[in-house]
């Protein structure tokens, strides 16, 4: 894998995905994110490397716009603005990330063989945590009357 670090855009495929976003018309960028997430979430029995990498990159861009999300400011991330994601993209991004780290994922297999595999899984988990906020509890009163 043409990878130089564990960052979400620290590999050739994700850098190419970012370039594609930069080259797309502003109105097409959300659709490219959606397509990348759908490919991963809807993958058959085995998720190929490129689809997994693009899903992680797309999820990172969605998470960057959520409360608690880290900005994507790497040298290989997109330079053009990404539109605010629709609410359904968050759930789809979570589903995609779950598929990326599953047993039948080439990306996960490759990282599991690498020295930094645990750190990569932690970074993907951090994205997932931002994308899937804890639902509010209803059994604790917010205030008393």
Protein backbone atom coordinates (compact mmCIF):
# COMPACT_ATOMS: atom_id res chain seq x y z
CA UNK A 1 0.00 0.00 0.00
CA UNK A 2 1.35 3.44 -0.92
CA UNK A 3 1.04 4.65 2.67
CA UNK A 4 3.41 6.87 4.63
CA UNK A 5 1.52 7.31 7.92
CA UNK A 6 -1.75 6.40 9.68
CA UNK A 7 -3.54 9.68 8.86
CA UNK A 8 -6.76 9.44 6.90
CA UNK A 9 -5.14 11.10 3.87
CA UNK A 10 -1.62 9.72 4.31
CA UNK A 11 -1.76 7.33 1.36
CA UNK A 12 -1.91 7.54 -2.42
CA UNK A 13 -5.54 6.48 -2.78
CA UNK A 14 -6.88 9.00 -0.26
CA UNK A 15 -4.72 11.76 -1.74
CA UNK A 16 -6.16 10.94 -5.18
CA UNK A 17 -9.67 11.00 -3.68
CA UNK A 18 -8.95 14.47 -2.24
CA UNK A 19 -7.68 15.64 -5.64
CA UNK A 20 -10.90 14.39 -7.22
CA UNK A 21 -12.91 16.39 -4.70
CA UNK A 22 -10.85 19.50 -5.46
CA UNK A 23 -11.39 19.06 -9.20
CA UNK A 24 -15.15 18.53 -8.87
CA UNK A 25 -17.62 21.37 -9.08
CA UNK A 26 -18.67 22.59 -5.61
CA UNK A 27 -22.16 21.17 -6.08
CA UNK A 28 -20.78 17.71 -6.87
CA UNK A 29 -18.55 17.25 -3.82
CA UNK A 30 -21.26 16.05 -1.43
CA UNK A 31 -22.27 13.46 -4.01
CA UNK A 32 -18.71 12.16 -4.20
CA UNK A 33 -18.63 11.74 -0.41
CA UNK A 34 -21.98 9.97 -0.50
CA UNK A 35 -20.84 7.63 -3.29
CA UNK A 36 -17.64 6.68 -1.45
CA UNK A 37 -19.56 5.92 1.74
CA UNK A 38 -22.23 3.93 -0.11
CA UNK A 39 -19.64 1.81 -1.92
CA UNK A 40 -18.09 0.74 1.37
CA UNK A 41 -21.33 0.27 3.27
CA UNK A 42 -22.87 -1.72 0.43
CA UNK A 43 -19.83 -3.81 -0.43
CA UNK A 44 -20.45 -7.49 -0.94
CA UNK A 45 -18.59 -10.16 0.95
CA UNK A 46 -15.20 -8.45 0.68
CA UNK A 47 -14.35 -4.74 0.82
CA UNK A 48 -11.49 -3.86 -1.51
CA UNK A 49 -8.61 -1.63 -0.39
CA UNK A 50 -9.46 1.43 -2.53
CA UNK A 51 -13.09 1.49 -1.43
CA UNK A 52 -12.06 1.21 2.20
CA UNK A 53 -9.53 4.02 1.96
CA UNK A 54 -11.98 6.33 0.20
CA UNK A 55 -14.65 5.58 2.82
CA UNK A 56 -12.27 6.47 5.65
CA UNK A 57 -11.30 9.71 3.86
CA UNK A 58 -14.95 10.61 3.23
CA UNK A 59 -15.85 9.81 6.84
CA UNK A 60 -13.00 12.03 8.04
CA UNK A 61 -14.39 14.92 5.99
CA UNK A 62 -17.88 14.39 7.40
CA UNK A 63 -16.53 14.09 10.96
CA UNK A 64 -14.49 17.28 10.53
CA UNK A 65 -17.74 19.22 10.33
CA UNK A 66 -19.31 17.61 13.39
CA UNK A 67 -18.99 18.85 16.96
CA UNK A 68 -15.73 17.47 18.32
CA UNK A 69 -14.44 16.60 14.86
CA UNK A 70 -10.80 17.26 13.98
CA UNK A 71 -10.17 19.42 10.93
CA UNK A 72 -8.62 17.76 7.91
CA UNK A 73 -5.55 19.88 7.43
CA UNK A 74 -2.99 17.46 6.09
CA UNK A 75 -0.94 18.27 3.04
CA UNK A 76 -2.79 15.59 1.08
CA UNK A 77 -6.38 16.37 2.07
CA UNK A 78 -8.70 18.45 -0.10
CA UNK A 79 -7.94 22.16 -0.37
CA UNK A 80 -11.38 23.17 -1.64
CA UNK A 81 -14.36 23.62 0.69
CA UNK A 82 -16.52 20.61 1.40
CA UNK A 83 -20.23 21.35 1.89
CA UNK A 84 -21.79 20.71 5.27
CA UNK A 85 -22.92 17.08 5.26
CA UNK A 86 -26.54 16.09 5.41
CA UNK A 87 -27.54 14.33 8.62
CA UNK A 88 -27.88 10.96 6.87
CA UNK A 89 -24.19 11.08 5.87
CA UNK A 90 -23.19 10.71 9.52
CA UNK A 91 -25.05 7.42 9.89
CA UNK A 92 -23.77 6.18 6.54
CA UNK A 93 -20.22 7.13 7.54
CA UNK A 94 -20.56 5.09 10.75
CA UNK A 95 -21.84 2.12 8.75
CA UNK A 96 -18.96 2.49 6.29
CA UNK A 97 -16.34 2.64 9.03
CA UNK A 98 -17.80 -0.47 10.65
CA UNK A 99 -17.41 -2.23 7.29
CA UNK A 100 -13.84 -0.94 6.86
CA UNK A 101 -12.67 -2.48 10.15
CA UNK A 102 -14.61 -5.73 9.70
CA UNK A 103 -12.95 -9.07 9.08
CA UNK A 104 -13.65 -9.12 5.33
CA UNK A 105 -11.87 -5.84 4.57
CA UNK A 106 -8.60 -5.66 2.65
CA UNK A 107 -7.68 -2.36 4.29
CA UNK A 108 -8.14 -3.80 7.78
CA UNK A 109 -6.16 -6.91 6.82
CA UNK A 110 -3.25 -4.83 5.59
CA UNK A 111 -3.24 -2.63 8.69
CA UNK A 112 -3.48 -5.65 10.96
CA UNK A 113 -0.21 -6.86 9.42
CA UNK A 114 1.48 -3.46 9.90
CA UNK A 115 3.31 -2.23 12.98
CA UNK A 116 0.94 0.76 13.28
CA UNK A 117 -2.24 -1.29 12.89
CA UNK A 118 -3.47 -0.67 16.42
CA UNK A 119 -2.92 3.08 16.08
CA UNK A 120 -4.78 3.06 12.74
CA UNK A 121 -7.74 1.25 14.33
CA UNK A 122 -7.75 3.81 17.17
CA UNK A 123 -7.84 6.66 14.64
CA UNK A 124 -10.77 5.06 12.79
CA UNK A 125 -12.55 4.50 16.12
CA UNK A 126 -12.06 8.17 17.01
CA UNK A 127 -13.76 9.13 13.73
CA UNK A 128 -16.63 6.79 14.49
CA UNK A 129 -17.03 8.25 17.98
CA UNK A 130 -17.39 11.76 16.55
CA UNK A 131 -19.86 10.60 13.91
CA UNK A 132 -22.08 8.68 16.32
CA UNK A 133 -22.77 10.95 19.26
CA UNK A 134 -24.14 9.51 22.47
CA UNK A 135 -27.93 9.87 22.48
CA UNK A 136 -29.31 12.02 25.28
CA UNK A 137 -30.77 10.15 28.21
CA UNK A 138 -34.35 10.79 29.19
CA UNK A 139 -34.20 9.49 32.76
CA UNK A 140 -32.19 12.42 34.15
CA UNK A 141 -34.10 15.68 34.56
CA UNK A 142 -32.41 18.63 32.89
CA UNK A 143 -33.86 20.99 35.47
CA UNK A 144 -36.38 21.00 38.29
CA UNK A 145 -39.53 23.09 38.37
